[in-house]
Amino acid sequence: MPRMPRLEKAEIQDRLAKTPGWSLEGDEIRRSFTLKDFASALVFVGAVGHLAEQANHHPDITINYNKVTLALTTHDSGGLTDNDFTLAARINALMP
């Protein structure tokens, strides 16, 4: 599969403005979600995992009790691509 083209800084800023809750940290975008409890966090992570498998694009996931932090980047492209923002938008849609 060919590499996705890396987004330029202006494109990243434009996409961030359209992807609520996510912030740029180095070469990745991050967002933390606070759920009701640990069980809810696990259900959320399962849903994120399902979306990630569908997209064949996998975030780094950290769970701290009811807080889930996700980080997205496209490693083989060396930075952020359309895939990162597409998956971030799909993850956002999981939350009410």
PDB file of N, CA and C in Angstrom:
ATOM      1  N   MET A   1       0.837  -1.174   0.000  1.00  0.00           N
ATOM      2  CA  MET A   1       0.000   0.000   0.000  1.00  0.00           C
ATOM      3  C   MET A   1       0.889   1.247   0.000  1.00  0.00           C
ATOM      4  N   PRO A   2       0.613   2.232  -0.886  1.00  0.00           N
ATOM      5  CA  PRO A   2       1.428   3.443  -0.926  1.00  0.00           C
ATOM      6  C   PRO A   2       1.225   4.292   0.329  1.00  0.00           C
ATOM      7  N   ARG A   3       2.269   5.018   0.671  1.00  0.00           N
ATOM      8  CA  ARG A   3       2.184   5.905   1.825  1.00  0.00           C
ATOM      9  C   ARG A   3       1.192   7.031   1.568  1.00  0.00           C
ATOM     10  N   MET A   4       0.494   7.410   2.651  1.00  0.00           N
ATOM     11  CA  MET A   4      -0.386   8.575   2.586  1.00  0.00           C
ATOM     12  C   MET A   4       0.503   9.820   2.583  1.00  0.00           C
ATOM     13  N   PRO A   5       0.129  10.844   1.821  1.00  0.00           N
ATOM     14  CA  PRO A   5       0.923  12.070   1.863  1.00  0.00           C
ATOM     15  C   PRO A   5       0.749  12.787   3.198  1.00  0.00           C
ATOM     16  N   ARG A   6       1.865  13.262   3.721  1.00  0.00           N
ATOM     17  CA  ARG A   6       1.844  14.008   4.974  1.00  0.00           C
ATOM     18  C   ARG A   6       1.187  15.366   4.749  1.00  0.00           C
ATOM     19  N   LEU A   7       0.412  15.804   5.733  1.00  0.00           N
ATOM     20  CA  LEU A   7      -0.228  17.108   5.644  1.00  0.00           C
ATOM     21  C   LEU A   7       0.774  18.214   5.977  1.00  0.00           C
ATOM     22  N   GLU A   8       0.613  19.346   5.331  1.00  0.00           N
ATOM     23  CA  GLU A   8       1.417  20.533   5.621  1.00  0.00           C
ATOM     24  C   GLU A   8       0.868  21.209   6.879  1.00  0.00           C
ATOM     25  N   LYS A   9       1.676  22.076   7.483  1.00  0.00           N
ATOM     26  CA  LYS A   9       1.283  22.743   8.733  1.00  0.00           C
ATOM     27  C   LYS A   9      -0.050  23.467   8.608  1.00  0.00           C
ATOM     28  N   ALA A  10      -0.267  24.184   7.517  1.00  0.00           N
ATOM     29  CA  ALA A  10      -1.524  24.926   7.331  1.00  0.00           C
ATOM     30  C   ALA A  10      -2.708  23.965   7.238  1.00  0.00           C
ATOM     31  N   GLU A  11      -2.519  22.836   6.556  1.00  0.00           N
ATOM     32  CA  GLU A  11      -3.583  21.835   6.452  1.00  0.00           C
ATOM     33  C   GLU A  11      -3.893  21.241   7.819  1.00  0.00           C
ATOM     34  N   ILE A  12      -2.857  20.993   8.604  1.00  0.00           N
ATOM     35  CA  ILE A  12      -3.044  20.434   9.946  1.00  0.00           C
ATOM     36  C   ILE A  12      -3.859  21.401  10.791  1.00  0.00           C
ATOM     37  N   GLN A  13      -3.510  22.669  10.775  1.00  0.00           N
ATOM     38  CA  GLN A  13      -4.240  23.668  11.567  1.00  0.00           C
ATOM     39  C   GLN A  13      -5.693  23.766  11.112  1.00  0.00           C
ATOM     40  N   ASP A  14      -5.923  23.715   9.809  1.00  0.00           N
ATOM     41  CA  ASP A  14      -7.283  23.758   9.273  1.00  0.00           C
ATOM     42  C   ASP A  14      -8.084  22.543   9.734  1.00  0.00           C
ATOM     43  N   ARG A  15      -7.482  21.371   9.666  1.00  0.00           N
ATOM     44  CA  ARG A  15      -8.171  20.136  10.072  1.00  0.00           C
ATOM     45  C   ARG A  15      -8.415  20.111  11.578  1.00  0.00           C
ATOM     46  N   LEU A  16      -7.460  20.609  12.365  1.00  0.00           N
ATOM     47  CA  LEU A  16      -7.643  20.677  13.821  1.00  0.00           C
ATOM     48  C   LEU A  16      -8.844  21.543  14.176  1.00  0.00           C
ATOM     49  N   ALA A  17      -9.006  22.654  13.478  1.00  0.00           N
ATOM     50  CA  ALA A  17     -10.128  23.560  13.738  1.00  0.00           C
ATOM     51  C   ALA A  17     -11.469  22.872  13.482  1.00  0.00           C
ATOM     52  N   LYS A  18     -11.466  21.853  12.632  1.00  0.00           N
ATOM     53  CA  LYS A  18     -12.689  21.126  12.283  1.00  0.00           C
ATOM     54  C   LYS A  18     -12.833  19.815  13.054  1.00  0.00           C
ATOM     55  N   THR A  19     -11.914  19.558  13.978  1.00  0.00           N
ATOM     56  CA  THR A  19     -11.917  18.303  14.745  1.00  0.00           C
ATOM     57  C   THR A  19     -11.882  18.652  16.233  1.00  0.00           C
ATOM     58  N   PRO A  20     -13.041  18.959  16.815  1.00  0.00           N
ATOM     59  CA  PRO A  20     -13.098  19.450  18.193  1.00  0.00           C
ATOM     60  C   PRO A  20     -12.450  18.506  19.207  1.00  0.00           C
ATOM     61  N   GLY A  21     -11.743  19.119  20.160  1.00  0.00           N
ATOM     62  CA  GLY A  21     -11.186  18.379  21.277  1.00  0.00           C
ATOM     63  C   GLY A  21      -9.785  17.839  21.060  1.00  0.00           C
ATOM     64  N   TRP A  22      -9.314  17.797  19.833  1.00  0.00           N
ATOM     65  CA  TRP A  22      -7.998  17.249  19.521  1.00  0.00           C
ATOM     66  C   TRP A  22      -6.978  18.371  19.502  1.00  0.00           C
ATOM     67  N   SER A  23      -5.767  18.069  19.941  1.00  0.00           N
ATOM     68  CA  SER A  23      -4.701  19.062  19.940  1.00  0.00           C
ATOM     69  C   SER A  23      -3.446  18.460  19.327  1.00  0.00           C
ATOM     70  N   LEU A  24      -2.621  19.318  18.803  1.00  0.00           N
ATOM     71  CA  LEU A  24      -1.378  18.912  18.170  1.00  0.00           C
ATOM     72  C   LEU A  24      -0.284  18.827  19.225  1.00  0.00           C
ATOM     73  N   GLU A  25       0.396  17.692  19.267  1.00  0.00           N
ATOM     74  CA  GLU A  25       1.544  17.496  20.148  1.00  0.00           C
ATOM     75  C   GLU A  25       2.629  16.807  19.332  1.00  0.00           C
ATOM     76  N   GLY A  26       3.603  17.589  18.907  1.00  0.00           N
ATOM     77  CA  GLY A  26       4.655  17.043  18.053  1.00  0.00           C
ATOM     78  C   GLY A  26       4.086  16.635  16.713  1.00  0.00           C
ATOM     79  N   ASP A  27       4.304  15.370  16.340  1.00  0.00           N
ATOM     80  CA  ASP A  27       3.819  14.842  15.060  1.00  0.00           C
ATOM     81  C   ASP A  27       2.549  14.026  15.217  1.00  0.00           C
ATOM     82  N   GLU A  28       1.784  14.282  16.291  1.00  0.00           N
ATOM     83  CA  GLU A  28       0.545  13.529  16.494  1.00  0.00           C
ATOM     84  C   GLU A  28      -0.547  14.445  17.009  1.00  0.00           C
ATOM     85  N   ILE A  29      -1.780  13.960  16.894  1.00  0.00           N
ATOM     86  CA  ILE A  29      -2.905  14.657  17.517  1.00  0.00           C
ATOM     87  C   ILE A  29      -3.376  13.798  18.683  1.00  0.00           C
ATOM     88  N   ARG A  30      -3.811  14.472  19.754  1.00  0.00           N
ATOM     89  CA  ARG A  30      -4.226  13.789  20.984  1.00  0.00           C
ATOM     90  C   ARG A  30      -5.554  14.332  21.469  1.00  0.00           C
ATOM     91  N   ARG A  31      -6.269  13.447  22.147  1.00  0.00           N
ATOM     92  CA  ARG A  31      -7.483  13.860  22.841  1.00  0.00           C
ATOM     93  C   ARG A  31      -7.704  12.909  24.010  1.00  0.00           C
ATOM     94  N   SER A  32      -8.158  13.494  25.121  1.00  0.00           N
ATOM     95  CA  SER A  32      -8.539  12.695  26.283  1.00  0.00           C
ATOM     96  C   SER A  32     -10.048  12.742  26.431  1.00  0.00           C
ATOM     97  N   PHE A  33     -10.607  11.607  26.787  1.00  0.00           N
ATOM     98  CA  PHE A  33     -12.039  11.467  27.026  1.00  0.00           C
ATOM     99  C   PHE A  33     -12.232  11.009  28.465  1.00  0.00           C
ATOM    100  N   THR A  34     -13.171  11.615  29.187  1.00  0.00           N
ATOM    101  CA  THR A  34     -13.490  11.186  30.542  1.00  0.00           C
ATOM    102  C   THR A  34     -14.845  10.506  30.504  1.00  0.00           C
ATOM    103  N   LEU A  35     -14.857   9.248  30.892  1.00  0.00           N
ATOM    104  CA  LEU A  35     -16.067   8.442  30.888  1.00  0.00           C
ATOM    105  C   LEU A  35     -16.615   8.312  32.311  1.00  0.00           C
ATOM    106  N   LYS A  36     -17.775   7.674  32.445  1.00  0.00           N
ATOM    107  CA  LYS A  36     -18.438   7.533  33.742  1.00  0.00           C
ATOM    108  C   LYS A  36     -17.599   6.739  34.740  1.00  0.00           C
ATOM    109  N   ASP A  37     -17.008   5.635  34.280  1.00  0.00           N
ATOM    110  CA  ASP A  37     -16.246   4.758  35.160  1.00  0.00           C
ATOM    111  C   ASP A  37     -15.329   3.880  34.304  1.00  0.00           C
ATOM    112  N   PHE A  38     -14.599   2.985  34.954  1.00  0.00           N
ATOM    113  CA  PHE A  38     -13.645   2.121  34.252  1.00  0.00           C
ATOM    114  C   PHE A  38     -14.345   1.242  33.217  1.00  0.00           C
ATOM    115  N   ALA A  39     -15.494   0.673  33.576  1.00  0.00           N
ATOM    116  CA  ALA A  39     -16.216  -0.190  32.637  1.00  0.00           C
ATOM    117  C   ALA A  39     -16.612   0.583  31.382  1.00  0.00           C
ATOM    118  N   SER A  40     -17.072   1.812  31.564  1.00  0.00           N
ATOM    119  CA  SER A  40     -17.435   2.646  30.413  1.00  0.00           C
ATOM    120  C   SER A  40     -16.214   2.967  29.556  1.00  0.00           C
ATOM    121  N   ALA A  41     -15.086   3.188  30.213  1.00  0.00           N
ATOM    122  CA  ALA A  41     -13.845   3.451  29.476  1.00  0.00           C
ATOM    123  C   ALA A  41     -13.472   2.247  28.618  1.00  0.00           C
ATOM    124  N   LEU A  42     -13.634   1.053  29.164  1.00  0.00           N
ATOM    125  CA  LEU A  42     -13.317  -0.154  28.400  1.00  0.00           C
ATOM    126  C   LEU A  42     -14.247  -0.331  27.206  1.00  0.00           C
ATOM    127  N   VAL A  43     -15.529  -0.039  27.380  1.00  0.00           N
ATOM    128  CA  VAL A  43     -16.483  -0.132  26.269  1.00  0.00           C
ATOM    129  C   VAL A  43     -16.093   0.867  25.177  1.00  0.00           C
ATOM    130  N   PHE A  44     -15.741   2.083  25.590  1.00  0.00           N
ATOM    131  CA  PHE A  44     -15.312   3.110  24.645  1.00  0.00           C
ATOM    132  C   PHE A  44     -14.075   2.653  23.875  1.00  0.00           C
ATOM    133  N   VAL A  45     -13.094   2.118  24.592  1.00  0.00           N
ATOM    134  CA  VAL A  45     -11.869   1.634  23.942  1.00  0.00           C
ATOM    135  C   VAL A  45     -12.199   0.522  22.942  1.00  0.00           C
ATOM    136  N   GLY A  46     -13.131  -0.347  23.289  1.00  0.00           N
ATOM    137  CA  GLY A  46     -13.555  -1.398  22.356  1.00  0.00           C
ATOM    138  C   GLY A  46     -14.149  -0.812  21.088  1.00  0.00           C
ATOM    139  N   ALA A  47     -14.961   0.236  21.233  1.00  0.00           N
ATOM    140  CA  ALA A  47     -15.568   0.891  20.072  1.00  0.00           C
ATOM    141  C   ALA A  47     -14.494   1.574  19.221  1.00  0.00           C
ATOM    142  N   VAL A  48     -13.524   2.229  19.887  1.00  0.00           N
ATOM    143  CA  VAL A  48     -12.414   2.845  19.163  1.00  0.00           C
ATOM    144  C   VAL A  48     -11.619   1.772  18.420  1.00  0.00           C
ATOM    145  N   GLY A  49     -11.385   0.653  19.085  1.00  0.00           N
ATOM    146  CA  GLY A  49     -10.663  -0.447  18.450  1.00  0.00           C
ATOM    147  C   GLY A  49     -11.362  -0.958  17.201  1.00  0.00           C
ATOM    148  N   HIS A  50     -12.686  -1.029  17.258  1.00  0.00           N
ATOM    149  CA  HIS A  50     -13.464  -1.478  16.100  1.00  0.00           C
ATOM    150  C   HIS A  50     -13.284  -0.498  14.930  1.00  0.00           C
ATOM    151  N   LEU A  51     -13.394   0.819  15.225  1.00  0.00           N
ATOM    152  CA  LEU A  51     -13.195   1.820  14.173  1.00  0.00           C
ATOM    153  C   LEU A  51     -11.778   1.751  13.607  1.00  0.00           C
ATOM    154  N   ALA A  52     -10.805   1.563  14.490  1.00  0.00           N
ATOM    155  CA  ALA A  52      -9.406   1.497  14.066  1.00  0.00           C
ATOM    156  C   ALA A  52      -9.166   0.297  13.150  1.00  0.00           C
ATOM    157  N   GLU A  53      -9.747  -0.825  13.499  1.00  0.00           N
ATOM    158  CA  GLU A  53      -9.592  -2.018  12.649  1.00  0.00           C
ATOM    159  C   GLU A  53     -10.234  -1.794  11.282  1.00  0.00           C
ATOM    160  N   GLN A  54     -11.421  -1.178  11.269  1.00  0.00           N
ATOM    161  CA  GLN A  54     -12.090  -0.892   9.994  1.00  0.00           C
ATOM    162  C   GLN A  54     -11.204  -0.003   9.114  1.00  0.00           C
ATOM    163  N   ALA A  55     -10.534   0.960   9.743  1.00  0.00           N
ATOM    164  CA  ALA A  55      -9.707   1.913   8.999  1.00  0.00           C
ATOM    165  C   ALA A  55      -8.287   1.408   8.775  1.00  0.00           C
ATOM    166  N   ASN A  56      -7.923   0.296   9.411  1.00  0.00           N
ATOM    167  CA  ASN A  56      -6.545  -0.201   9.397  1.00  0.00           C
ATOM    168  C   ASN A  56      -5.577   0.922   9.784  1.00  0.00           C
ATOM    169  N   HIS A  57      -5.976   1.626  10.852  1.00  0.00           N
ATOM    170  CA  HIS A  57      -5.205   2.773  11.354  1.00  0.00           C
ATOM    171  C   HIS A  57      -5.381   2.792  12.863  1.00  0.00           C
ATOM    172  N   HIS A  58      -4.313   2.581  13.594  1.00  0.00           N
ATOM    173  CA  HIS A  58      -4.429   2.260  15.022  1.00  0.00           C
ATOM    174  C   HIS A  58      -3.815   3.326  15.918  1.00  0.00           C
ATOM    175  N   PRO A  59      -4.635   3.875  16.835  1.00  0.00           N
ATOM    176  CA  PRO A  59      -4.125   4.896  17.759  1.00  0.00           C
ATOM    177  C   PRO A  59      -3.349   4.273  18.909  1.00  0.00           C
ATOM    178  N   ASP A  60      -2.529   5.086  19.544  1.00  0.00           N
ATOM    179  CA  ASP A  60      -1.971   4.715  20.837  1.00  0.00           C
ATOM    180  C   ASP A  60      -3.057   5.035  21.856  1.00  0.00           C
ATOM    181  N   ILE A  61      -3.288   4.122  22.784  1.00  0.00           N
ATOM    182  CA  ILE A  61      -4.379   4.263  23.755  1.00  0.00           C
ATOM    183  C   ILE A  61      -3.822   4.121  25.160  1.00  0.00           C
ATOM    184  N   THR A  62      -4.187   5.077  26.024  1.00  0.00           N
ATOM    185  CA  THR A  62      -3.828   5.016  27.437  1.00  0.00           C
ATOM    186  C   THR A  62      -5.113   5.092  28.245  1.00  0.00           C
ATOM    187  N   ILE A  63      -5.276   4.162  29.182  1.00  0.00           N
ATOM    188  CA  ILE A  63      -6.449   4.157  30.057  1.00  0.00           C
ATOM    189  C   ILE A  63      -5.977   4.407  31.486  1.00  0.00           C
ATOM    190  N   ASN A  64      -6.546   5.435  32.112  1.00  0.00           N
ATOM    191  CA  ASN A  64      -6.322   5.717  33.520  1.00  0.00           C
ATOM    192  C   ASN A  64      -7.694   5.783  34.179  1.00  0.00           C
ATOM    193  N   TYR A  65      -8.127   4.645  34.732  1.00  0.00           N
ATOM    194  CA  TYR A  65      -9.451   4.468  35.332  1.00  0.00           C
ATOM    195  C   TYR A  65     -10.543   4.869  34.341  1.00  0.00           C
ATOM    196  N   ASN A  66     -11.087   6.089  34.458  1.00  0.00           N
ATOM    197  CA  ASN A  66     -12.178   6.477  33.564  1.00  0.00           C
ATOM    198  C   ASN A  66     -11.734   7.467  32.482  1.00  0.00           C
ATOM    199  N   LYS A  67     -10.443   7.706  32.392  1.00  0.00           N
ATOM    200  CA  LYS A  67      -9.912   8.643  31.403  1.00  0.00           C
ATOM    201  C   LYS A  67      -9.155   7.864  30.328  1.00  0.00           C
ATOM    202  N   VAL A  68      -9.539   8.108  29.084  1.00  0.00           N
ATOM    203  CA  VAL A  68      -8.906   7.456  27.939  1.00  0.00           C
ATOM    204  C   VAL A  68      -8.235   8.533  27.097  1.00  0.00           C
ATOM    205  N   THR A  69      -6.945   8.378  26.856  1.00  0.00           N
ATOM    206  CA  THR A  69      -6.210   9.310  26.007  1.00  0.00           C
ATOM    207  C   THR A  69      -5.804   8.582  24.734  1.00  0.00           C
ATOM    208  N   LEU A  70      -6.096   9.216  23.610  1.00  0.00           N
ATOM    209  CA  LEU A  70      -5.783   8.650  22.300  1.00  0.00           C
ATOM    210  C   LEU A  70      -4.780   9.545  21.590  1.00  0.00           C
ATOM    211  N   ALA A  71      -3.843   8.941  20.899  1.00  0.00           N
ATOM    212  CA  ALA A  71      -2.863   9.672  20.093  1.00  0.00           C
ATOM    213  C   ALA A  71      -2.849   9.061  18.696  1.00  0.00           C
ATOM    214  N   LEU A  72      -2.929   9.909  17.697  1.00  0.00           N
ATOM    215  CA  LEU A  72      -2.934   9.463  16.301  1.00  0.00           C
ATOM    216  C   LEU A  72      -1.797  10.110  15.518  1.00  0.00           C
ATOM    217  N   THR A  73      -1.133   9.302  14.725  1.00  0.00           N
ATOM    218  CA  THR A  73      -0.151   9.749  13.748  1.00  0.00           C
ATOM    219  C   THR A  73       0.001   8.626  12.727  1.00  0.00           C
ATOM    220  N   THR A  74       0.524   8.956  11.576  1.00  0.00           N
ATOM    221  CA  THR A  74       0.758   7.937  10.554  1.00  0.00           C
ATOM    222  C   THR A  74       2.259   7.685  10.513  1.00  0.00           C
ATOM    223  N   HIS A  75       2.692   6.656  11.236  1.00  0.00           N
ATOM    224  CA  HIS A  75       4.113   6.381  11.404  1.00  0.00           C
ATOM    225  C   HIS A  75       4.848   6.203  10.079  1.00  0.00           C
ATOM    226  N   ASP A  76       4.261   5.435   9.153  1.00  0.00           N
ATOM    227  CA  ASP A  76       4.991   5.162   7.913  1.00  0.00           C
ATOM    228  C   ASP A  76       5.062   6.376   6.981  1.00  0.00           C
ATOM    229  N   SER A  77       4.286   7.428   7.280  1.00  0.00           N
ATOM    230  CA  SER A  77       4.391   8.669   6.517  1.00  0.00           C
ATOM    231  C   SER A  77       5.206   9.718   7.266  1.00  0.00           C
ATOM    232  N   GLY A  78       5.545   9.418   8.504  1.00  0.00           N
ATOM    233  CA  GLY A  78       6.371  10.330   9.282  1.00  0.00           C
ATOM    234  C   GLY A  78       5.651  11.556   9.808  1.00  0.00           C
ATOM    235  N   GLY A  79       4.353  11.452   9.997  1.00  0.00           N
ATOM    236  CA  GLY A  79       3.595  12.597  10.519  1.00  0.00           C
ATOM    237  C   GLY A  79       2.108  12.410  10.318  1.00  0.00           C
ATOM    238  N   LEU A  80       1.401  13.511  10.298  1.00  0.00           N
ATOM    239  CA  LEU A  80      -0.057  13.472  10.202  1.00  0.00           C
ATOM    240  C   LEU A  80      -0.526  13.418   8.753  1.00  0.00           C
ATOM    241  N   THR A  81      -1.556  12.601   8.538  1.00  0.00           N
ATOM    242  CA  THR A  81      -2.163  12.452   7.217  1.00  0.00           C
ATOM    243  C   THR A  81      -3.679  12.574   7.354  1.00  0.00           C
ATOM    244  N   ASP A  82      -4.344  12.504   6.232  1.00  0.00           N
ATOM    245  CA  ASP A  82      -5.806  12.522   6.212  1.00  0.00           C
ATOM    246  C   ASP A  82      -6.379  11.399   7.085  1.00  0.00           C
ATOM    247  N   ASN A  83      -5.705  10.244   7.104  1.00  0.00           N
ATOM    248  CA  ASN A  83      -6.189   9.111   7.902  1.00  0.00           C
ATOM    249  C   ASN A  83      -6.360   9.472   9.371  1.00  0.00           C
ATOM    250  N   ASP A  84      -5.444  10.260   9.913  1.00  0.00           N
ATOM    251  CA  ASP A  84      -5.500  10.624  11.323  1.00  0.00           C
ATOM    252  C   ASP A  84      -6.742  11.448  11.627  1.00  0.00           C
ATOM    253  N   PHE A  85      -7.023  12.424  10.803  1.00  0.00           N
ATOM    254  CA  PHE A  85      -8.162  13.296  11.054  1.00  0.00           C
ATOM    255  C   PHE A  85      -9.487  12.605  10.738  1.00  0.00           C
ATOM    256  N   THR A  86      -9.486  11.717   9.757  1.00  0.00           N
ATOM    257  CA  THR A  86     -10.694  10.949   9.460  1.00  0.00           C
ATOM    258  C   THR A  86     -11.050  10.050  10.640  1.00  0.00           C
ATOM    259  N   LEU A  87     -10.058   9.355  11.196  1.00  0.00           N
ATOM    260  CA  LEU A  87     -10.332   8.497  12.336  1.00  0.00           C
ATOM    261  C   LEU A  87     -10.700   9.331  13.571  1.00  0.00           C
ATOM    262  N   ALA A  88     -10.047  10.462  13.778  1.00  0.00           N
ATOM    263  CA  ALA A  88     -10.386  11.328  14.915  1.00  0.00           C
ATOM    264  C   ALA A  88     -11.852  11.769  14.834  1.00  0.00           C
ATOM    265  N   ALA A  89     -12.313  12.125  13.648  1.00  0.00           N
ATOM    266  CA  ALA A  89     -13.718  12.534  13.485  1.00  0.00           C
ATOM    267  C   ALA A  89     -14.672  11.367  13.771  1.00  0.00           C
ATOM    268  N   ARG A  90     -14.315  10.179  13.345  1.00  0.00           N
ATOM    269  CA  ARG A  90     -15.158   9.009  13.618  1.00  0.00           C
ATOM    270  C   ARG A  90     -15.175   8.690  15.112  1.00  0.00           C
ATOM    271  N   ILE A  91     -14.034   8.879  15.788  1.00  0.00           N
ATOM    272  CA  ILE A  91     -13.978   8.663  17.236  1.00  0.00           C
ATOM    273  C   ILE A  91     -14.845   9.708  17.936  1.00  0.00           C
ATOM    274  N   ASN A  92     -14.757  10.967  17.517  1.00  0.00           N
ATOM    275  CA  ASN A  92     -15.587  12.018  18.105  1.00  0.00           C
ATOM    276  C   ASN A  92     -17.071  11.668  18.004  1.00  0.00           C
ATOM    277  N   ALA A  93     -17.456  11.053  16.905  1.00  0.00           N
ATOM    278  CA  ALA A  93     -18.862  10.707  16.694  1.00  0.00           C
ATOM    279  C   ALA A  93     -19.362   9.649  17.672  1.00  0.00           C
ATOM    280  N   LEU A  94     -18.456   8.948  18.356  1.00  0.00           N
ATOM    281  CA  LEU A  94     -18.866   7.955  19.348  1.00  0.00           C
ATOM    282  C   LEU A  94     -19.434   8.592  20.607  1.00  0.00           C
ATOM    283  N   MET A  95     -19.033   9.838  20.869  1.00  0.00           N
ATOM    284  CA  MET A  95     -19.430  10.514  22.094  1.00  0.00           C
ATOM    285  C   MET A  95     -20.684  11.345  21.843  1.00  0.00           C
ATOM    286  N   PRO A  96     -21.590  11.366  22.820  1.00  0.00           N
ATOM    287  CA  PRO A  96     -22.821  12.173  22.654  1.00  0.00           C
ATOM    288  C   PRO A  96     -22.537  13.665  22.687  1.00  0.00           C
TER     289      PRO A  96
END
